[in-house]
N, C-alpha and C. Protein backbone atom coordinates (compact mmCIF):
# COMPACT_ATOMS: atom_id res chain seq x y z
N MET A 1 9.23 -6.73 17.07
CA MET A 1 8.83 -6.73 15.69
C MET A 1 9.93 -7.37 14.85
N LYS A 2 9.51 -8.08 13.83
CA LYS A 2 10.48 -8.73 12.97
C LYS A 2 10.71 -7.90 11.71
N TYR A 3 11.97 -7.88 11.28
CA TYR A 3 12.39 -7.14 10.10
C TYR A 3 13.23 -8.05 9.22
N MET A 4 13.15 -7.82 7.92
CA MET A 4 14.01 -8.53 6.98
C MET A 4 15.05 -7.55 6.47
N LEU A 5 16.30 -7.95 6.53
CA LEU A 5 17.40 -7.20 5.94
C LEU A 5 17.74 -7.89 4.63
N MET A 6 17.40 -7.26 3.52
CA MET A 6 17.65 -7.85 2.20
C MET A 6 18.99 -7.33 1.69
N LEU A 7 19.92 -8.23 1.47
CA LEU A 7 21.29 -7.88 1.11
C LEU A 7 21.47 -7.90 -0.41
N TYR A 8 21.94 -6.79 -0.94
CA TYR A 8 22.18 -6.68 -2.38
C TYR A 8 23.67 -6.45 -2.63
N ALA A 9 24.18 -7.06 -3.68
CA ALA A 9 25.58 -6.86 -4.07
C ALA A 9 25.72 -7.31 -5.52
N SER A 10 26.83 -6.98 -6.11
CA SER A 10 27.12 -7.39 -7.48
C SER A 10 27.57 -8.84 -7.50
N GLU A 11 26.83 -9.70 -8.17
CA GLU A 11 27.25 -11.09 -8.30
C GLU A 11 28.58 -11.19 -9.03
N GLN A 12 28.75 -10.39 -10.05
CA GLN A 12 29.99 -10.41 -10.82
C GLN A 12 31.17 -10.04 -9.93
N GLY A 13 31.00 -8.99 -9.11
CA GLY A 13 32.07 -8.58 -8.21
C GLY A 13 32.41 -9.68 -7.22
N GLY A 14 31.39 -10.35 -6.69
CA GLY A 14 31.62 -11.45 -5.77
C GLY A 14 32.34 -12.62 -6.42
N ALA A 15 31.96 -12.91 -7.67
CA ALA A 15 32.58 -14.03 -8.40
C ALA A 15 34.04 -13.74 -8.71
N GLU A 16 34.40 -12.46 -8.80
CA GLU A 16 35.77 -12.08 -9.13
C GLU A 16 36.68 -11.98 -7.90
N LEU A 17 36.12 -12.12 -6.70
CA LEU A 17 36.94 -12.07 -5.49
C LEU A 17 37.85 -13.29 -5.41
N ALA A 18 39.07 -13.05 -4.96
CA ALA A 18 39.99 -14.17 -4.71
C ALA A 18 39.42 -15.01 -3.57
N PRO A 19 39.67 -16.33 -3.60
CA PRO A 19 39.10 -17.21 -2.57
C PRO A 19 39.40 -16.76 -1.14
N GLU A 20 40.59 -16.25 -0.90
CA GLU A 20 40.92 -15.82 0.47
C GLU A 20 40.12 -14.57 0.86
N MET A 21 39.81 -13.71 -0.10
CA MET A 21 38.99 -12.53 0.18
C MET A 21 37.54 -12.94 0.45
N MET A 22 37.04 -13.92 -0.30
CA MET A 22 35.68 -14.42 -0.06
C MET A 22 35.59 -15.08 1.31
N ALA A 23 36.62 -15.84 1.68
CA ALA A 23 36.64 -16.48 2.99
C ALA A 23 36.62 -15.43 4.10
N GLN A 24 37.35 -14.35 3.91
CA GLN A 24 37.37 -13.26 4.89
C GLN A 24 35.99 -12.60 4.98
N ALA A 25 35.34 -12.38 3.84
CA ALA A 25 34.01 -11.78 3.84
C ALA A 25 33.01 -12.68 4.55
N MET A 26 33.08 -13.98 4.32
CA MET A 26 32.16 -14.91 4.97
C MET A 26 32.42 -14.99 6.47
N ALA A 27 33.67 -14.85 6.88
CA ALA A 27 33.99 -14.82 8.31
C ALA A 27 33.39 -13.57 8.95
N GLN A 28 33.41 -12.45 8.25
CA GLN A 28 32.79 -11.22 8.76
C GLN A 28 31.28 -11.41 8.92
N MET A 29 30.67 -12.07 7.96
CA MET A 29 29.22 -12.31 8.04
C MET A 29 28.89 -13.25 9.20
N ALA A 30 29.73 -14.26 9.42
CA ALA A 30 29.52 -15.18 10.55
C ALA A 30 29.65 -14.43 11.87
N ALA A 31 30.60 -13.51 11.96
CA ALA A 31 30.77 -12.71 13.18
C ALA A 31 29.55 -11.80 13.39
N TYR A 32 29.01 -11.26 12.31
CA TYR A 32 27.80 -10.42 12.41
C TYR A 32 26.63 -11.26 12.93
N GLN A 33 26.46 -12.47 12.40
CA GLN A 33 25.38 -13.34 12.88
C GLN A 33 25.56 -13.64 14.36
N GLU A 34 26.79 -13.91 14.76
CA GLU A 34 27.09 -14.19 16.18
C GLU A 34 26.73 -12.98 17.05
N ALA A 35 27.04 -11.77 16.58
CA ALA A 35 26.70 -10.56 17.33
C ALA A 35 25.18 -10.40 17.46
N LEU A 36 24.45 -10.69 16.38
CA LEU A 36 22.98 -10.64 16.44
C LEU A 36 22.44 -11.66 17.44
N GLU A 37 23.03 -12.86 17.42
CA GLU A 37 22.60 -13.90 18.36
C GLU A 37 22.81 -13.46 19.80
N LYS A 38 23.99 -12.90 20.09
CA LYS A 38 24.30 -12.44 21.45
C LYS A 38 23.37 -11.32 21.90
N ALA A 39 22.93 -10.49 20.94
CA ALA A 39 22.01 -9.38 21.25
C ALA A 39 20.56 -9.84 21.33
N GLY A 40 20.30 -11.12 21.04
CA GLY A 40 18.92 -11.62 21.06
C GLY A 40 18.09 -11.14 19.88
N ALA A 41 18.75 -10.70 18.81
CA ALA A 41 18.05 -10.13 17.66
C ALA A 41 18.00 -11.08 16.47
N PHE A 42 18.73 -12.18 16.50
CA PHE A 42 18.82 -13.07 15.35
C PHE A 42 17.60 -13.98 15.27
N VAL A 43 16.98 -14.04 14.09
CA VAL A 43 15.88 -14.96 13.84
C VAL A 43 16.28 -15.99 12.80
N GLY A 44 16.87 -15.55 11.68
CA GLY A 44 17.27 -16.49 10.63
C GLY A 44 18.06 -15.78 9.55
N THR A 45 18.71 -16.57 8.70
CA THR A 45 19.47 -16.02 7.58
C THR A 45 19.59 -17.09 6.50
N ALA A 46 19.86 -16.66 5.29
CA ALA A 46 20.13 -17.58 4.19
C ALA A 46 20.80 -16.81 3.06
N ALA A 47 21.59 -17.52 2.30
CA ALA A 47 22.18 -16.98 1.08
C ALA A 47 21.43 -17.59 -0.09
N LEU A 48 21.34 -16.85 -1.18
CA LEU A 48 20.64 -17.33 -2.36
C LEU A 48 21.62 -17.74 -3.44
N MET A 49 21.22 -18.67 -4.28
CA MET A 49 22.02 -19.08 -5.43
C MET A 49 22.04 -17.92 -6.43
N PRO A 50 22.97 -17.92 -7.38
CA PRO A 50 23.07 -16.81 -8.35
C PRO A 50 21.78 -16.64 -9.16
N THR A 51 21.59 -15.42 -9.65
CA THR A 51 20.39 -15.12 -10.43
C THR A 51 20.33 -15.93 -11.72
N SER A 52 21.47 -16.43 -12.19
CA SER A 52 21.45 -17.26 -13.39
C SER A 52 20.64 -18.54 -13.17
N GLN A 53 20.43 -18.91 -11.91
CA GLN A 53 19.65 -20.10 -11.59
C GLN A 53 18.21 -19.75 -11.21
N ALA A 54 17.87 -18.47 -11.23
CA ALA A 54 16.52 -18.03 -10.86
C ALA A 54 15.55 -18.21 -12.01
N ARG A 55 14.30 -18.33 -11.69
CA ARG A 55 13.22 -18.34 -12.66
C ARG A 55 12.16 -17.36 -12.15
N THR A 56 11.54 -16.67 -13.06
CA THR A 56 10.47 -15.74 -12.70
C THR A 56 9.20 -16.24 -13.38
N ILE A 57 8.14 -16.36 -12.59
CA ILE A 57 6.88 -16.84 -13.16
C ILE A 57 5.81 -15.76 -13.09
N THR A 58 4.92 -15.82 -14.04
CA THR A 58 3.70 -15.02 -14.01
C THR A 58 2.57 -15.94 -14.44
N LYS A 59 1.38 -15.63 -14.00
CA LYS A 59 0.22 -16.43 -14.38
C LYS A 59 -0.95 -15.48 -14.59
N TYR A 60 -1.19 -15.14 -15.83
CA TYR A 60 -2.29 -14.26 -16.19
C TYR A 60 -3.29 -15.03 -17.03
N ASP A 61 -4.56 -14.84 -16.73
CA ASP A 61 -5.63 -15.52 -17.48
C ASP A 61 -5.39 -17.02 -17.57
N GLY A 62 -4.86 -17.60 -16.49
CA GLY A 62 -4.65 -19.03 -16.43
C GLY A 62 -3.43 -19.54 -17.18
N GLU A 63 -2.67 -18.67 -17.82
CA GLU A 63 -1.50 -19.09 -18.58
C GLU A 63 -0.23 -18.84 -17.76
N LEU A 64 0.51 -19.92 -17.52
CA LEU A 64 1.76 -19.83 -16.78
C LEU A 64 2.89 -19.49 -17.73
N LYS A 65 3.65 -18.48 -17.38
CA LYS A 65 4.82 -18.09 -18.17
C LYS A 65 6.03 -18.17 -17.24
N VAL A 66 7.07 -18.89 -17.68
CA VAL A 66 8.30 -19.05 -16.90
C VAL A 66 9.44 -18.45 -17.70
N GLU A 67 10.16 -17.53 -17.07
CA GLU A 67 11.30 -16.90 -17.73
C GLU A 67 12.57 -17.16 -16.92
N ASP A 68 13.69 -17.27 -17.62
CA ASP A 68 14.99 -17.43 -16.96
C ASP A 68 15.38 -16.13 -16.29
N GLY A 69 16.01 -16.26 -15.13
CA GLY A 69 16.59 -15.09 -14.48
C GLY A 69 15.66 -14.41 -13.49
N PRO A 70 16.17 -13.32 -12.91
CA PRO A 70 15.41 -12.58 -11.90
C PRO A 70 14.33 -11.71 -12.55
N TYR A 71 13.46 -11.17 -11.73
CA TYR A 71 12.37 -10.32 -12.20
C TYR A 71 12.89 -9.06 -12.87
N ALA A 72 13.91 -8.46 -12.28
CA ALA A 72 14.44 -7.20 -12.83
C ALA A 72 15.96 -7.29 -12.96
N GLU A 73 16.47 -6.72 -14.01
CA GLU A 73 17.91 -6.60 -14.19
C GLU A 73 18.38 -5.37 -13.43
N SER A 74 19.47 -5.50 -12.71
CA SER A 74 20.00 -4.36 -11.96
C SER A 74 21.49 -4.54 -11.74
N ARG A 75 22.13 -3.47 -11.28
CA ARG A 75 23.57 -3.56 -11.02
C ARG A 75 23.85 -4.48 -9.84
N GLU A 76 23.00 -4.44 -8.83
CA GLU A 76 23.16 -5.32 -7.67
C GLU A 76 22.04 -6.34 -7.68
N GLN A 77 22.34 -7.51 -7.12
CA GLN A 77 21.36 -8.58 -7.07
C GLN A 77 21.05 -8.91 -5.61
N PHE A 78 19.82 -9.36 -5.37
CA PHE A 78 19.39 -9.81 -4.05
C PHE A 78 20.07 -11.13 -3.80
N GLY A 79 20.99 -11.16 -2.83
CA GLY A 79 21.82 -12.34 -2.64
C GLY A 79 21.58 -13.11 -1.36
N GLY A 80 20.86 -12.52 -0.42
CA GLY A 80 20.61 -13.20 0.84
C GLY A 80 19.89 -12.28 1.80
N TYR A 81 19.62 -12.80 2.98
CA TYR A 81 18.85 -12.00 3.94
C TYR A 81 19.15 -12.42 5.37
N PHE A 82 18.81 -11.54 6.27
CA PHE A 82 18.72 -11.83 7.69
C PHE A 82 17.32 -11.46 8.12
N ILE A 83 16.75 -12.24 9.01
CA ILE A 83 15.52 -11.86 9.69
C ILE A 83 15.93 -11.57 11.12
N ILE A 84 15.56 -10.37 11.56
CA ILE A 84 15.96 -9.94 12.90
C ILE A 84 14.74 -9.52 13.71
N GLU A 85 14.93 -9.44 15.00
CA GLU A 85 13.95 -8.92 15.94
C GLU A 85 14.48 -7.57 16.40
N ALA A 86 13.66 -6.52 16.28
CA ALA A 86 14.08 -5.18 16.69
C ALA A 86 12.90 -4.44 17.31
N ARG A 87 13.21 -3.46 18.16
CA ARG A 87 12.17 -2.67 18.84
C ARG A 87 11.31 -1.89 17.85
N ASP A 88 11.99 -1.30 16.86
CA ASP A 88 11.32 -0.43 15.89
C ASP A 88 12.25 -0.26 14.69
N MET A 89 11.83 0.54 13.71
CA MET A 89 12.62 0.70 12.49
C MET A 89 13.99 1.30 12.80
N ASP A 90 14.05 2.26 13.70
CA ASP A 90 15.35 2.86 14.03
C ASP A 90 16.32 1.81 14.57
N HIS A 91 15.83 0.93 15.41
CA HIS A 91 16.67 -0.13 15.97
C HIS A 91 17.07 -1.11 14.86
N ALA A 92 16.15 -1.44 13.95
CA ALA A 92 16.46 -2.34 12.84
C ALA A 92 17.54 -1.72 11.96
N ILE A 93 17.47 -0.43 11.71
CA ILE A 93 18.49 0.25 10.90
C ILE A 93 19.84 0.22 11.62
N GLU A 94 19.80 0.43 12.92
CA GLU A 94 21.04 0.38 13.72
C GLU A 94 21.70 -0.99 13.60
N LEU A 95 20.90 -2.06 13.68
CA LEU A 95 21.44 -3.41 13.55
C LEU A 95 21.92 -3.68 12.12
N ALA A 96 21.17 -3.21 11.13
CA ALA A 96 21.56 -3.40 9.73
C ALA A 96 22.87 -2.68 9.41
N ALA A 97 23.08 -1.53 10.02
CA ALA A 97 24.30 -0.75 9.77
C ALA A 97 25.55 -1.49 10.22
N GLN A 98 25.40 -2.46 11.11
CA GLN A 98 26.54 -3.24 11.59
C GLN A 98 26.89 -4.40 10.65
N CYS A 99 26.03 -4.67 9.67
CA CYS A 99 26.23 -5.80 8.75
C CYS A 99 27.36 -5.48 7.77
N PRO A 100 28.35 -6.36 7.66
CA PRO A 100 29.45 -6.12 6.71
C PRO A 100 28.97 -5.96 5.27
N ALA A 101 27.85 -6.57 4.93
CA ALA A 101 27.33 -6.49 3.55
C ALA A 101 26.98 -5.06 3.16
N ALA A 102 26.80 -4.18 4.13
CA ALA A 102 26.49 -2.77 3.81
C ALA A 102 27.66 -2.10 3.08
N THR A 103 28.85 -2.68 3.19
CA THR A 103 30.00 -2.11 2.48
C THR A 103 30.12 -2.66 1.06
N TRP A 104 29.33 -3.70 0.74
CA TRP A 104 29.37 -4.31 -0.59
C TRP A 104 28.22 -3.86 -1.47
N GLY A 105 27.12 -3.43 -0.84
CA GLY A 105 25.94 -3.03 -1.58
C GLY A 105 24.85 -2.61 -0.62
N PRO A 106 23.69 -2.20 -1.15
CA PRO A 106 22.61 -1.73 -0.30
C PRO A 106 21.97 -2.86 0.51
N ILE A 107 21.41 -2.47 1.63
CA ILE A 107 20.60 -3.37 2.46
C ILE A 107 19.23 -2.72 2.60
N GLU A 108 18.22 -3.42 2.12
CA GLU A 108 16.84 -2.93 2.28
C GLU A 108 16.30 -3.48 3.59
N VAL A 109 15.73 -2.61 4.41
CA VAL A 109 15.19 -2.99 5.72
C VAL A 109 13.67 -2.85 5.65
N ARG A 110 12.97 -3.96 5.89
CA ARG A 110 11.50 -3.92 5.83
C ARG A 110 10.92 -4.72 6.98
N GLN A 111 9.90 -4.15 7.60
CA GLN A 111 9.20 -4.83 8.68
C GLN A 111 8.24 -5.84 8.08
N PHE A 112 8.11 -6.99 8.75
CA PHE A 112 7.10 -7.97 8.35
C PHE A 112 5.73 -7.40 8.66
N HIS A 113 4.80 -7.68 7.80
CA HIS A 113 3.42 -7.24 8.02
C HIS A 113 2.85 -7.97 9.23
N PRO A 114 2.23 -7.25 10.15
CA PRO A 114 1.65 -7.92 11.32
C PRO A 114 0.66 -9.02 10.89
N GLY A 115 0.78 -10.16 11.51
CA GLY A 115 -0.11 -11.26 11.19
C GLY A 115 0.40 -12.17 10.09
N TYR A 116 1.49 -11.77 9.42
CA TYR A 116 2.09 -12.59 8.36
C TYR A 116 3.56 -12.76 8.68
N GLY A 117 4.18 -13.71 8.05
CA GLY A 117 5.62 -13.88 8.22
C GLY A 117 5.98 -14.81 9.34
N PRO A 118 7.26 -14.90 9.60
CA PRO A 118 7.75 -15.86 10.61
C PRO A 118 7.38 -15.45 12.02
């Protein structure tokens, strides 16, 4: 079964990190991806651009509305994801718990709906 690990963290906190600290954090994430690959659990990953570059759209009664920014304001922002292969939710949680991003903010773990997704 495929699961998405949605990584949340403070964009402001990340922007305030010294370059060497950010490089260390990215090295930890690369090591995590490598561990997932070795375990046969890695499907894909991506980082997202800052929410300042996001747009949120709605279309009601045929009228398109485009707003700057993310859908919801929050302390942490959705910054990236991993798609993993796991036996079940418990296994997905076990793999998510190994992600260094869990120390920076929450990780939401959700199974892909059968018949949809990658």
